[in-house]
Amino acid sequence: MNPYIDKDLAMLAGHVRRFAEERVAPGFQQRDVTRVLDRGLMREMGELGYIAPELPEQYGGLGMGCLAAGVIHEEISRADLSLAYVNLLGSLNGQILSQHGRPEIVDPWLVRLIQGDALIAIALTEPGGGSDAANLRLHIERVGDDYVINGEKTSISAADQADAIVVFGRTGTPESGAHGVTALLVPTDVPGLTRTRFDCHGQRAIGRGSLFFENVRVPVSHRLGDENQGFVQVMQGFDYSRALIGMQVLGVARIALEETWQYVTERKAFGQPLSAFQGVSHTLADADTQVVAARLLCLQTLWLKDQKLPHSAEAAMSKWWAPKLAYETVHQCLLMHGHGGYDRGLMEQRLRDILGFQIGDGTAQIMKTVIARARAGRKAVPA
């Protein structure tokens, strides 16, 4: 019995798992080769209510809460971590737009996002730094009723596939830090915006790349939050996405464990199943224990958010621990499969996909600083 997943959520998870097994999993490896998201699958997910289900019904959402979003996210991730970015970006950007955007601008985007008809990326990282997220150099200048954007963003998930991007840039002085950053919603068809695609180790269906802004103009109405307060206001949503990332990678670890437990009971060596050897079964038991515990932490974080209770520390714990644990778990599962695990296939692709989350969206070191500040106070942990 799981204290966070009631009968309705368990039933929802079952429905999503069937969809993921029948519709998502079969194309998992092919999308890794083509490096293109399946827009048809996105629309199917939207029709079923699987994208940003926590958003209100006025946008086409289900108003189900963040735990429901986490449950759906986990099940899609079991079939394809890269495709599950649709859920991750949908929930993160859906929250940002609905809370900080002007309705006349963001409402049509929210409807399209939930329907699976639009993909919205988020652009924070720059060539000069990723972890020092408040020290941005992308320049945003107000000119009349427009903002003019110049500069570069890099390592942006879905950079070349997104239909719009939430862009963070500096409107204040260089010394203003986090209190000089503004967030804008930028459609990707605006003049002056060019995009590139990296050849990444994993997460190849969603991809990463750079964005180059050369005198890109967007109306002031596209601002998200207050001028110079975008970082402080909008970044609060990242606690939510960190918990979702935990569910995402642990979904992959869980299915890898399930497959490996079955494999070691069927594969025989020296006249016994591999599971008879403690070096095998105890290793898997250890990984299974920690995955169950980490998943409970992620679910607790989502529950705290649904209750509107503080959850920054728990979100940071979810973000640094779950990707590291999931990578180590899938690595062990790959080794248990021997030479077959080393061949290009399910295990090796899962391993490649998970690794990126130990880098992006906040490193382990940054997450531990967030936890320390929550426990000891910012003055006691200034940097």
Protein backbone atom coordinates (compact mmCIF):
# COMPACT_ATOMS: atom_id res chain seq x y z
CA MET A 1 0.00 0.00 0.00
CA ASN A 2 1.34 3.43 -0.98
CA PRO A 3 0.10 6.30 1.22
CA TYR A 4 0.27 8.79 -1.66
CA ILE A 5 -1.44 6.80 -4.41
CA ASP A 6 -5.13 6.16 -3.78
CA LYS A 7 -7.44 3.88 -5.73
CA ASP A 8 -8.18 6.51 -8.38
CA LEU A 9 -4.51 7.31 -8.98
CA ALA A 10 -3.68 3.60 -9.15
CA MET A 11 -6.40 3.13 -11.76
CA LEU A 12 -5.04 6.12 -13.70
CA ALA A 13 -1.54 4.63 -13.62
CA GLY A 14 -2.91 1.38 -15.03
CA HIS A 15 -4.58 3.16 -17.96
CA VAL A 16 -1.42 5.15 -18.75
CA ARG A 17 0.78 2.06 -18.51
CA ARG A 18 -1.33 0.22 -21.07
CA PHE A 19 -1.11 3.19 -23.42
CA ALA A 20 2.65 3.45 -22.88
CA GLU A 21 3.23 -0.25 -23.49
CA GLU A 22 1.06 -0.36 -26.60
CA ARG A 23 1.78 3.01 -28.22
CA VAL A 24 4.99 4.50 -26.78
CA ALA A 25 7.34 1.58 -26.13
CA PRO A 26 7.32 0.12 -29.68
CA GLY A 27 8.97 3.25 -31.14
CA PHE A 28 11.41 3.83 -28.27
CA GLN A 29 14.58 2.76 -30.09
CA GLN A 30 13.57 4.11 -33.49
CA ARG A 31 13.04 7.63 -32.09
CA ASP A 32 16.56 7.43 -30.66
CA VAL A 33 17.82 6.90 -34.22
CA THR A 34 15.64 9.44 -36.04
CA ARG A 35 16.01 12.03 -33.23
CA VAL A 36 12.49 13.32 -33.87
CA LEU A 37 9.55 13.47 -31.48
CA ASP A 38 6.39 11.79 -32.70
CA ARG A 39 3.84 14.61 -32.91
CA GLY A 40 1.09 12.07 -33.51
CA LEU A 41 1.87 10.44 -30.18
CA MET A 42 1.91 13.86 -28.54
CA ARG A 43 -1.61 14.52 -29.80
CA GLU A 44 -2.77 11.09 -28.62
CA MET A 45 -1.40 11.88 -25.16
CA GLY A 46 -3.20 15.21 -25.25
CA GLU A 47 -6.50 13.65 -26.26
CA LEU A 48 -6.25 11.26 -23.31
CA GLY A 49 -5.50 14.09 -20.86
CA TYR A 50 -1.95 12.95 -20.15
CA ILE A 51 -0.23 16.32 -20.66
CA ALA A 52 -0.35 18.80 -17.75
CA PRO A 53 -3.40 17.14 -16.12
CA GLU A 54 -2.97 19.42 -13.10
CA LEU A 55 -4.00 22.50 -15.07
CA PRO A 56 -7.59 23.79 -14.78
CA GLU A 57 -10.39 22.61 -17.05
CA GLN A 58 -10.65 26.08 -18.59
CA TYR A 59 -7.53 25.24 -20.61
CA GLY A 60 -8.56 21.65 -21.28
CA GLY A 61 -6.73 20.25 -18.26
CA LEU A 62 -8.19 17.83 -15.72
CA GLY A 63 -7.47 19.78 -12.52
CA MET A 64 -6.20 16.55 -10.96
CA GLY A 65 -3.21 17.81 -8.99
CA CYS A 66 0.53 17.31 -9.13
CA LEU A 67 0.49 13.73 -7.83
CA ALA A 68 -1.60 12.73 -10.85
CA ALA A 69 0.88 14.46 -13.15
CA GLY A 70 3.70 12.56 -11.46
CA VAL A 71 1.96 9.21 -11.84
CA ILE A 72 1.34 9.81 -15.56
CA HIS A 73 4.88 11.08 -16.06
CA GLU A 74 6.36 7.97 -14.45
CA GLU A 75 4.38 5.60 -16.66
CA ILE A 76 5.30 7.36 -19.91
CA SER A 77 8.95 7.41 -18.78
CA ARG A 78 8.95 3.64 -18.30
CA ALA A 79 8.35 3.35 -22.03
CA ASP A 80 10.51 6.27 -23.24
CA LEU A 81 12.28 8.79 -21.00
CA SER A 82 12.91 11.12 -23.94
CA LEU A 83 9.26 11.26 -25.02
CA ALA A 84 8.31 11.89 -21.37
CA TYR A 85 9.88 15.33 -21.80
CA VAL A 86 6.54 16.24 -23.34
CA ASN A 87 4.98 15.72 -19.91
CA LEU A 88 7.83 17.40 -18.04
CA LEU A 89 7.88 20.52 -20.20
CA GLY A 90 4.10 20.57 -20.34
CA SER A 91 3.73 20.63 -16.56
CA LEU A 92 6.59 23.06 -15.90
CA ASN A 93 5.72 25.55 -18.62
CA GLY A 94 1.99 25.09 -18.15
CA GLN A 95 2.40 26.20 -14.55
CA ILE A 96 4.61 29.16 -15.52
CA LEU A 97 2.26 30.41 -18.23
CA SER A 98 -0.94 29.96 -16.25
CA GLN A 99 0.42 31.73 -13.16
CA HIS A 100 2.50 34.51 -14.70
CA GLY A 101 1.24 35.21 -18.23
CA ARG A 102 -1.42 37.52 -19.58
CA PRO A 103 -4.51 35.41 -20.35
CA GLU A 104 -5.02 36.85 -23.82
CA ILE A 105 -1.47 35.74 -24.76
CA VAL A 106 -0.94 32.49 -22.87
CA ASP A 107 -4.40 30.91 -22.90
CA PRO A 108 -4.24 29.81 -26.56
CA TRP A 109 -0.79 28.34 -25.94
CA LEU A 110 -2.01 26.47 -22.87
CA VAL A 111 -4.86 24.93 -24.83
CA ARG A 112 -2.48 23.80 -27.58
CA LEU A 113 0.04 22.51 -25.04
CA ILE A 114 -2.55 20.37 -23.22
CA GLN A 115 -3.92 19.06 -26.52
CA GLY A 116 -0.43 17.91 -27.52
CA ASP A 117 -0.45 20.36 -30.41
CA ALA A 118 2.42 22.53 -29.15
CA LEU A 119 5.75 21.93 -27.47
CA ILE A 120 7.13 24.72 -25.28
CA ALA A 121 10.79 24.72 -24.24
CA ILE A 122 12.48 26.69 -21.46
CA ALA A 123 15.73 28.62 -22.03
CA LEU A 124 17.85 29.45 -19.02
CA THR A 125 21.36 28.02 -19.56
CA GLU A 126 23.96 30.13 -21.39
CA PRO A 127 27.43 29.37 -22.79
CA GLY A 128 29.11 31.11 -19.87
CA GLY A 129 27.42 29.04 -17.18
CA GLY A 130 24.57 26.80 -16.17
CA SER A 131 24.62 26.42 -12.40
CA ASP A 132 25.03 30.18 -11.84
CA ALA A 133 21.56 30.61 -13.31
CA ALA A 134 20.98 34.16 -12.05
CA ASN A 135 24.13 35.50 -13.74
CA LEU A 136 22.58 35.79 -17.19
CA ARG A 137 24.07 37.72 -20.12
CA LEU A 138 21.31 37.41 -22.73
CA HIS A 139 20.25 41.04 -23.14
CA ILE A 140 16.62 42.12 -23.18
CA GLU A 141 15.90 45.80 -23.83
CA ARG A 142 12.52 47.48 -23.82
CA VAL A 143 11.88 49.56 -26.93
CA GLY A 144 8.43 51.11 -26.89
CA ASP A 145 5.85 48.35 -26.72
CA ASP A 146 8.38 45.63 -27.55
CA TYR A 147 11.27 43.81 -25.97
CA VAL A 148 14.36 43.33 -28.15
CA ILE A 149 16.43 40.22 -27.39
CA ASN A 150 20.11 39.68 -28.23
CA GLY A 151 22.38 36.85 -27.14
CA GLU A 152 22.64 33.08 -26.93
CA LYS A 153 21.12 30.24 -24.95
CA THR A 154 22.63 26.77 -25.03
CA SER A 155 21.97 23.19 -23.99
CA ILE A 156 18.24 23.80 -24.31
CA SER A 157 16.04 20.71 -24.43
CA ALA A 158 13.82 20.60 -27.55
CA ALA A 159 15.59 23.70 -28.89
CA ASP A 160 14.99 22.85 -32.53
CA GLN A 161 11.57 21.22 -32.09
CA ALA A 162 9.74 23.64 -29.78
CA ASP A 163 6.92 25.88 -31.01
CA ALA A 164 7.57 28.49 -28.32
CA ILE A 165 10.19 29.08 -25.64
CA VAL A 166 10.13 30.61 -22.16
CA VAL A 167 13.27 32.77 -22.32
CA PHE A 168 15.08 34.30 -19.35
CA GLY A 169 17.30 37.32 -19.94
CA ARG A 170 18.75 40.39 -18.30
CA THR A 171 16.77 43.62 -18.25
CA GLY A 172 18.53 45.04 -15.20
CA THR A 173 22.15 45.98 -14.65
CA PRO A 174 24.86 43.29 -14.66
CA GLU A 175 25.18 43.75 -10.90
CA SER A 176 21.47 43.20 -10.24
CA GLY A 177 21.77 39.40 -10.19
CA ALA A 178 18.51 37.53 -9.84
CA HIS A 179 16.63 40.82 -9.40
CA GLY A 180 17.41 41.99 -12.92
CA VAL A 181 16.03 39.04 -14.89
CA THR A 182 12.86 39.05 -16.99
CA ALA A 183 11.05 36.07 -18.53
CA LEU A 184 9.36 36.21 -21.94
CA LEU A 185 7.27 33.82 -24.01
CA VAL A 186 8.88 33.76 -27.46
CA PRO A 187 7.27 31.93 -30.42
CA THR A 188 9.97 30.18 -32.43
CA ASP A 189 8.82 31.60 -35.77
CA VAL A 190 9.89 35.17 -34.90
CA PRO A 191 12.45 36.85 -37.19
CA GLY A 192 16.02 36.84 -35.89
CA LEU A 193 15.85 33.55 -33.98
CA THR A 194 18.03 30.69 -35.22
CA ARG A 195 18.42 27.23 -33.68
CA THR A 196 20.94 24.39 -33.74
CA ARG A 197 20.87 20.73 -32.70
CA PHE A 198 23.60 18.92 -30.72
CA ASP A 199 24.63 15.30 -31.21
CA CYS A 200 23.97 14.18 -27.65
CA HIS A 201 24.84 10.97 -25.83
CA GLY A 202 21.24 10.34 -24.80
CA GLN A 203 17.72 11.83 -24.79
CA ARG A 204 18.11 12.01 -28.55
CA ALA A 205 14.43 12.12 -29.47
CA ILE A 206 13.91 15.36 -27.57
CA GLY A 207 17.41 16.66 -28.26
CA ARG A 208 19.31 19.73 -27.07
CA GLY A 209 20.71 22.71 -28.90
CA SER A 210 21.51 26.40 -28.94
CA LEU A 211 19.31 29.43 -29.57
CA PHE A 212 20.70 32.59 -31.16
CA PHE A 213 18.77 35.85 -30.78
CA GLU A 214 19.60 38.74 -33.13
CA ASN A 215 17.33 41.72 -32.53
CA VAL A 216 14.39 39.42 -31.86
CA ARG A 217 11.29 41.46 -31.04
CA VAL A 218 8.35 40.30 -28.95
CA PRO A 219 5.55 42.49 -27.56
CA VAL A 220 5.67 43.54 -23.91
CA SER A 221 2.45 41.56 -23.50
CA HIS A 222 4.56 38.38 -23.81
CA ARG A 223 6.31 39.05 -20.50
CA LEU A 224 5.83 36.39 -17.82
CA GLY A 225 5.71 37.95 -14.36
CA ASP A 226 7.06 41.41 -13.55
CA GLU A 227 10.01 43.07 -15.24
CA ASN A 228 13.28 42.29 -13.42
CA GLN A 229 11.47 39.70 -11.28
CA GLY A 230 11.25 36.82 -13.74
CA PHE A 231 13.92 34.73 -12.07
CA VAL A 232 12.55 35.20 -8.56
CA GLN A 233 8.92 34.59 -9.55
CA VAL A 234 9.06 32.06 -12.34
CA MET A 235 11.91 29.90 -11.01
CA GLN A 236 9.73 28.81 -8.11
CA GLY A 237 8.15 26.33 -10.50
CA PHE A 238 11.42 24.41 -10.74
CA ASP A 239 10.77 22.73 -7.39
CA TYR A 240 7.87 21.01 -9.12
CA SER A 241 9.88 19.92 -12.15
CA ARG A 242 12.63 18.51 -9.92
CA ALA A 243 10.17 16.13 -8.31
CA LEU A 244 8.84 15.17 -11.74
CA ILE A 245 12.38 14.46 -12.95
CA GLY A 246 12.78 12.12 -9.98
CA MET A 247 9.65 10.24 -11.04
CA GLN A 248 10.88 10.23 -14.63
CA VAL A 249 14.23 8.55 -14.01
CA LEU A 250 12.89 6.21 -11.33
CA GLY A 251 10.23 5.01 -13.75
CA VAL A 252 13.08 3.88 -15.99
CA ALA A 253 14.92 2.27 -13.07
CA ARG A 254 11.80 0.39 -11.97
CA ILE A 255 11.13 -1.23 -15.33
CA ALA A 256 14.83 -2.09 -15.67
CA LEU A 257 14.67 -3.84 -12.30
CA GLU A 258 11.48 -5.68 -13.19
CA GLU A 259 13.03 -7.01 -16.39
CA THR A 260 16.27 -7.93 -14.66
CA TRP A 261 14.60 -9.80 -11.80
CA GLN A 262 12.78 -11.87 -14.40
CA TYR A 263 15.97 -12.43 -16.40
CA VAL A 264 18.06 -13.65 -13.44
CA THR A 265 15.38 -16.15 -12.43
CA GLU A 266 15.32 -17.63 -15.96
CA ARG A 267 19.02 -17.50 -16.89
CA LYS A 268 20.99 -20.45 -15.53
CA ALA A 269 24.69 -20.79 -14.71
CA PHE A 270 26.42 -23.70 -13.00
CA GLY A 271 23.13 -25.53 -12.83
CA GLN A 272 21.26 -22.77 -10.97
CA PRO A 273 19.35 -19.61 -11.83
CA LEU A 274 21.48 -16.48 -11.54
CA SER A 275 19.18 -15.30 -8.74
CA ALA A 276 20.54 -18.12 -6.53
CA PHE A 277 23.87 -16.30 -6.31
CA GLN A 278 23.93 -13.63 -3.62
CA GLY A 279 26.23 -11.44 -5.68
CA VAL A 280 23.32 -11.11 -8.08
CA SER A 281 20.22 -11.15 -5.90
CA HIS A 282 21.62 -8.99 -3.10
CA THR A 283 22.81 -6.36 -5.59
CA LEU A 284 19.35 -6.15 -7.10
CA ALA A 285 17.69 -6.19 -3.68
CA ASP A 286 19.83 -3.24 -2.60
CA ALA A 287 18.94 -1.26 -5.73
CA ASP A 288 15.25 -2.16 -5.41
CA THR A 289 15.17 -0.94 -1.80
CA GLN A 290 16.68 2.42 -2.63
CA VAL A 291 14.47 2.94 -5.69
CA VAL A 292 11.34 2.33 -3.60
CA ALA A 293 12.58 4.83 -0.99
CA ALA A 294 13.50 7.48 -3.57
CA ARG A 295 10.13 7.12 -5.26
CA LEU A 296 8.37 7.72 -1.95
CA LEU A 297 10.43 10.89 -1.51
CA CYS A 298 9.34 12.15 -4.93
CA LEU A 299 5.70 11.33 -4.23
CA GLN A 300 5.93 13.09 -0.87
CA THR A 301 7.30 16.19 -2.63
CA LEU A 302 4.40 16.21 -5.09
CA TRP A 303 1.94 15.69 -2.22
CA LEU A 304 3.47 18.65 -0.36
CA LYS A 305 3.05 20.81 -3.47
CA ASP A 306 -0.58 19.74 -3.81
CA GLN A 307 -1.08 20.76 -0.16
CA LYS A 308 0.65 24.11 -0.84
CA LEU A 309 3.29 23.29 1.77
CA PRO A 310 7.05 24.08 1.54
CA HIS A 311 8.88 21.46 -0.53
CA SER A 312 12.08 23.05 -1.85
CA ALA A 313 14.38 20.80 0.19
CA GLU A 314 12.48 17.64 -0.73
CA ALA A 315 12.48 18.66 -4.40
CA ALA A 316 16.25 19.18 -4.32
CA MET A 317 16.70 15.80 -2.63
CA SER A 318 14.62 14.20 -5.37
CA LYS A 319 16.65 15.90 -8.09
CA TRP A 320 20.15 14.97 -6.93
CA TRP A 321 19.46 11.49 -5.56
CA ALA A 322 17.04 9.97 -8.06
CA PRO A 323 19.11 10.49 -11.27
CA LYS A 324 22.27 9.18 -9.58
CA LEU A 325 20.45 6.18 -8.14
CA ALA A 326 18.59 5.45 -11.38
CA TYR A 327 21.82 5.53 -13.38
CA GLU A 328 23.56 3.19 -10.96
CA THR A 329 20.55 0.87 -10.94
CA VAL A 330 20.24 0.61 -14.72
CA HIS A 331 24.03 0.16 -14.93
CA GLN A 332 23.79 -2.85 -12.61
CA CYS A 333 20.84 -4.21 -14.59
CA LEU A 334 22.84 -3.89 -17.80
CA LEU A 335 25.72 -5.83 -16.24
CA MET A 336 23.35 -8.55 -15.05
CA HIS A 337 22.33 -9.09 -18.67
CA GLY A 338 25.96 -9.75 -19.60
CA HIS A 339 27.06 -9.36 -23.22
CA GLY A 340 23.39 -9.01 -24.24
CA GLY A 341 23.05 -5.93 -22.06
CA TYR A 342 26.11 -4.37 -23.68
CA ASP A 343 24.57 -4.62 -27.15
CA ARG A 344 22.67 -1.58 -28.39
CA GLY A 345 19.18 -2.01 -27.02
CA LEU A 346 16.86 -1.18 -24.18
CA MET A 347 19.32 -1.13 -21.26
CA GLU A 348 22.09 0.84 -22.94
CA GLN A 349 19.65 3.43 -24.27
CA ARG A 350 18.08 3.83 -20.86
CA LEU A 351 21.52 4.34 -19.36
CA ARG A 352 22.35 7.04 -21.91
CA ASP A 353 19.02 8.79 -21.43
CA ILE A 354 19.26 8.95 -17.63
CA LEU A 355 22.82 10.30 -17.50
CA GLY A 356 21.85 13.75 -18.75
CA PHE A 357 19.76 14.43 -15.66
CA GLN A 358 22.88 14.36 -13.49
CA ILE A 359 23.96 17.47 -15.42
CA GLY A 360 20.91 19.41 -16.53
CA ASP A 361 18.21 21.10 -14.44
CA GLY A 362 20.57 21.53 -11.49
CA THR A 363 23.64 19.49 -10.58
CA ALA A 364 23.89 17.43 -7.39
CA GLN A 365 26.18 20.06 -5.85
CA ILE A 366 23.65 22.84 -6.44
CA MET A 367 20.81 20.69 -5.09
CA LYS A 368 22.75 19.96 -1.92
CA THR A 369 23.30 23.68 -1.44
CA VAL A 370 19.53 24.21 -1.76
CA ILE A 371 18.96 21.56 0.91
CA ALA A 372 21.60 23.06 3.21
CA ARG A 373 20.06 26.54 2.90
CA ALA A 374 16.61 25.13 3.70
CA ARG A 375 17.95 23.51 6.84
CA ALA A 376 20.53 26.01 8.07
CA GLY A 377 19.36 29.25 6.46
CA ARG A 378 20.82 31.24 3.59
CA LYS A 379 23.07 33.31 5.84
CA ALA A 380 24.72 30.15 7.15
CA VAL A 381 25.18 28.77 3.61
CA PRO A 382 25.77 31.87 1.46
CA ALA A 383 27.21 30.04 -1.56
